[in-house]
Amino acid sequence: GVLFTNYTQASIWLHMAGAGSSWATPTFLWAVFDYPFNQLGCRRVYGIVEAANQHALNVDRRLGFEMMTSLPDVFASGDGIVVSMTREQCRWLKVKPRTLMENGHGRRQGWIGSPS
């Protein structure tokens, strides 16, 4: 699942979770990052990861996030690591989903937050 919070026009916070290894397909990740960067026009997407959760930190690194700073005592286990990604760093925007359709007016159809 994906949840966006704290939208400021310049940035937004992304919270993402999934089970197994096949839920985060390239098309899914394109949709996740298309929304904040292309549809909302954000310059940066932030996330926060439990410092003790090395698996989640590795996933975020593989997605293209960079570590920004550490916040003390955010989680029961201790610190939280703030990660971020700029539009320029986001390789997922280069994915061309086969299911993306144009409605004849240059607007996307079929994605959350898009005009109908």
C-alpha atoms as a PDB file:
ATOM      1  CA  GLY A   1       0.000   0.000   0.000  1.00  0.00           C
ATOM      2  CA  VAL A   2       0.974   3.627  -0.483  1.00  0.00           C
ATOM      3  CA  LEU A   3      -0.005   6.686   1.523  1.00  0.00           C
ATOM      4  CA  PHE A   4       0.987  10.299   0.891  1.00  0.00           C
ATOM      5  CA  THR A   5       0.960  12.874   3.715  1.00  0.00           C
ATOM      6  CA  ASN A   6       2.165  16.395   4.499  1.00  0.00           C
ATOM      7  CA  TYR A   7       1.846  17.819   0.977  1.00  0.00           C
ATOM      8  CA  THR A   8       3.318  21.334   0.799  1.00  0.00           C
ATOM      9  CA  GLN A   9       3.337  21.846  -3.010  1.00  0.00           C
ATOM     10  CA  ALA A  10       7.153  21.637  -2.955  1.00  0.00           C
ATOM     11  CA  SER A  11       7.312  18.248  -1.240  1.00  0.00           C
ATOM     12  CA  ILE A  12       5.292  15.332   0.049  1.00  0.00           C
ATOM     13  CA  TRP A  13       5.895  12.412   2.423  1.00  0.00           C
ATOM     14  CA  LEU A  14       5.546   8.883   1.053  1.00  0.00           C
ATOM     15  CA  HIS A  15       4.709   5.874   3.193  1.00  0.00           C
ATOM     16  CA  MET A  16       4.895   2.530   1.398  1.00  0.00           C
ATOM     17  CA  ALA A  17       4.611  -1.085   2.546  1.00  0.00           C
ATOM     18  CA  GLY A  18       4.217  -4.439   0.885  1.00  0.00           C
ATOM     19  CA  ALA A  19       4.630  -8.142   1.463  1.00  0.00           C
ATOM     20  CA  GLY A  20       6.710 -10.522  -0.591  1.00  0.00           C
ATOM     21  CA  SER A  21       9.002  -9.592  -3.439  1.00  0.00           C
ATOM     22  CA  SER A  22       6.683  -9.064  -6.405  1.00  0.00           C
ATOM     23  CA  TRP A  23       4.353  -6.268  -5.310  1.00  0.00           C
ATOM     24  CA  ALA A  24       6.597  -3.359  -6.368  1.00  0.00           C
ATOM     25  CA  THR A  25       6.567  -3.775 -10.138  1.00  0.00           C
ATOM     26  CA  PRO A  26       8.121  -1.100 -12.373  1.00  0.00           C
ATOM     27  CA  THR A  27       4.654  -0.005 -13.528  1.00  0.00           C
ATOM     28  CA  PHE A  28       3.458   0.258  -9.921  1.00  0.00           C
ATOM     29  CA  LEU A  29       6.532   2.306  -8.974  1.00  0.00           C
ATOM     30  CA  TRP A  30       6.002   4.547 -11.994  1.00  0.00           C
ATOM     31  CA  ALA A  31       2.454   5.265 -10.734  1.00  0.00           C
ATOM     32  CA  VAL A  32       3.720   5.873  -7.177  1.00  0.00           C
ATOM     33  CA  PHE A  33       6.256   8.484  -8.295  1.00  0.00           C
ATOM     34  CA  ASP A  34       4.251   9.928 -11.203  1.00  0.00           C
ATOM     35  CA  TYR A  35       1.665  11.213  -8.741  1.00  0.00           C
ATOM     36  CA  PRO A  36       3.913  13.462  -6.594  1.00  0.00           C
ATOM     37  CA  PHE A  37       6.379  14.503  -9.286  1.00  0.00           C
ATOM     38  CA  ASN A  38       4.257  14.863 -12.433  1.00  0.00           C
ATOM     39  CA  GLN A  39       0.697  15.332 -11.221  1.00  0.00           C
ATOM     40  CA  LEU A  40       1.390  17.422  -8.100  1.00  0.00           C
ATOM     41  CA  GLY A  41       4.631  19.066  -9.285  1.00  0.00           C
ATOM     42  CA  CYS A  42       6.602  18.288  -6.107  1.00  0.00           C
ATOM     43  CA  ARG A  43      10.352  18.843  -6.156  1.00  0.00           C
ATOM     44  CA  ARG A  44      11.089  16.246  -3.463  1.00  0.00           C
ATOM     45  CA  VAL A  45       9.532  13.145  -1.894  1.00  0.00           C
ATOM     46  CA  TYR A  46      10.437  12.276   1.699  1.00  0.00           C
ATOM     47  CA  GLY A  47      10.100   9.125   3.748  1.00  0.00           C
ATOM     48  CA  ILE A  48      11.068   7.951   7.205  1.00  0.00           C
ATOM     49  CA  VAL A  49      12.463   4.505   7.960  1.00  0.00           C
ATOM     50  CA  GLU A  50      13.157   2.767  11.250  1.00  0.00           C
ATOM     51  CA  ALA A  51      16.958   2.803  11.636  1.00  0.00           C
ATOM     52  CA  ALA A  52      16.873  -0.762  12.998  1.00  0.00           C
ATOM     53  CA  ASN A  53      15.064  -2.001   9.868  1.00  0.00           C
ATOM     54  CA  GLN A  54      18.013  -2.628   7.551  1.00  0.00           C
ATOM     55  CA  HIS A  55      15.813  -4.444   5.038  1.00  0.00           C
ATOM     56  CA  ALA A  56      13.560  -1.383   4.585  1.00  0.00           C
ATOM     57  CA  LEU A  57      16.586   0.928   4.354  1.00  0.00           C
ATOM     58  CA  ASN A  58      18.074  -1.303   1.644  1.00  0.00           C
ATOM     59  CA  VAL A  59      14.786  -1.299  -0.273  1.00  0.00           C
ATOM     60  CA  ASP A  60      14.651   2.503  -0.113  1.00  0.00           C
ATOM     61  CA  ARG A  61      18.253   2.750  -1.359  1.00  0.00           C
ATOM     62  CA  ARG A  62      17.443   0.410  -4.262  1.00  0.00           C
ATOM     63  CA  LEU A  63      14.415   2.556  -5.083  1.00  0.00           C
ATOM     64  CA  GLY A  64      16.727   5.561  -5.362  1.00  0.00           C
ATOM     65  CA  PHE A  65      16.210   7.350  -2.052  1.00  0.00           C
ATOM     66  CA  GLU A  66      19.169   8.949  -0.322  1.00  0.00           C
ATOM     67  CA  MET A  67      19.602   9.208   3.431  1.00  0.00           C
ATOM     68  CA  MET A  68      19.227  12.796   4.665  1.00  0.00           C
ATOM     69  CA  THR A  69      19.336  12.757   8.462  1.00  0.00           C
ATOM     70  CA  SER A  70      18.542  10.797  11.588  1.00  0.00           C
ATOM     71  CA  LEU A  71      15.795  11.721  14.069  1.00  0.00           C
ATOM     72  CA  PRO A  72      16.239  10.403  17.610  1.00  0.00           C
ATOM     73  CA  ASP A  73      13.614   8.257  19.329  1.00  0.00           C
ATOM     74  CA  VAL A  74      11.030   8.224  16.530  1.00  0.00           C
ATOM     75  CA  PHE A  75      10.363   4.491  16.836  1.00  0.00           C
ATOM     76  CA  ALA A  76      10.161   2.155  19.827  1.00  0.00           C
ATOM     77  CA  SER A  77      13.456   0.633  18.650  1.00  0.00           C
ATOM     78  CA  GLY A  78      15.125   4.044  18.429  1.00  0.00           C
ATOM     79  CA  ASP A  79      15.950   6.456  15.630  1.00  0.00           C
ATOM     80  CA  GLY A  80      14.246   7.154  12.326  1.00  0.00           C
ATOM     81  CA  ILE A  81      16.182   7.833   9.140  1.00  0.00           C
ATOM     82  CA  VAL A  82      14.748  10.512   6.847  1.00  0.00           C
ATOM     83  CA  VAL A  83      15.197   9.592   3.184  1.00  0.00           C
ATOM     84  CA  SER A  84      14.446  11.723   0.146  1.00  0.00           C
ATOM     85  CA  MET A  85      14.362  11.694  -3.625  1.00  0.00           C
ATOM     86  CA  THR A  86      14.179  14.525  -6.152  1.00  0.00           C
ATOM     87  CA  ARG A  87      12.410  14.325  -9.486  1.00  0.00           C
ATOM     88  CA  GLU A  88      15.802  14.260 -11.225  1.00  0.00           C
ATOM     89  CA  GLN A  89      16.911  11.272  -9.125  1.00  0.00           C
ATOM     90  CA  CYS A  90      13.741   9.273  -9.844  1.00  0.00           C
ATOM     91  CA  ARG A  91      14.492   6.609 -12.432  1.00  0.00           C
ATOM     92  CA  TRP A  92      10.929   5.232 -12.172  1.00  0.00           C
ATOM     93  CA  LEU A  93       9.557   8.154 -14.190  1.00  0.00           C
ATOM     94  CA  LYS A  94      11.377   6.729 -17.221  1.00  0.00           C
ATOM     95  CA  VAL A  95       9.205   3.586 -17.138  1.00  0.00           C
ATOM     96  CA  LYS A  96       6.568   3.626 -19.885  1.00  0.00           C
ATOM     97  CA  PRO A  97       3.517   1.757 -18.555  1.00  0.00           C
ATOM     98  CA  ARG A  98       1.708  -0.232 -21.228  1.00  0.00           C
ATOM     99  CA  THR A  99      -1.640   0.513 -19.600  1.00  0.00           C
ATOM    100  CA  LEU A 100      -1.357   4.316 -19.703  1.00  0.00           C
ATOM    101  CA  MET A 101      -3.930   5.781 -22.064  1.00  0.00           C
ATOM    102  CA  GLU A 102      -4.405   9.302 -23.318  1.00  0.00           C
ATOM    103  CA  ASN A 103      -7.945  10.700 -23.469  1.00  0.00           C
ATOM    104  CA  GLY A 104      -7.301  12.906 -26.478  1.00  0.00           C
ATOM    105  CA  HIS A 105      -6.694  16.019 -24.387  1.00  0.00           C
ATOM    106  CA  GLY A 106      -3.215  15.132 -23.139  1.00  0.00           C
ATOM    107  CA  ARG A 107      -4.524  14.035 -19.730  1.00  0.00           C
ATOM    108  CA  ARG A 108      -4.025  10.629 -18.174  1.00  0.00           C
ATOM    109  CA  GLN A 109      -6.960   8.347 -17.606  1.00  0.00           C
ATOM    110  CA  GLY A 110      -7.248   5.585 -15.083  1.00  0.00           C
ATOM    111  CA  TRP A 111      -4.868   6.828 -12.370  1.00  0.00           C
ATOM    112  CA  ILE A 112      -5.786   8.137  -8.939  1.00  0.00           C
ATOM    113  CA  GLY A 113      -5.851  11.903  -8.890  1.00  0.00           C
ATOM    114  CA  SER A 114      -6.122  12.263 -12.665  1.00  0.00           C
ATOM    115  CA  PRO A 115      -8.989  14.107 -14.346  1.00  0.00           C
ATOM    116  CA  SER A 116     -11.766  11.872 -15.620  1.00  0.00           C
END
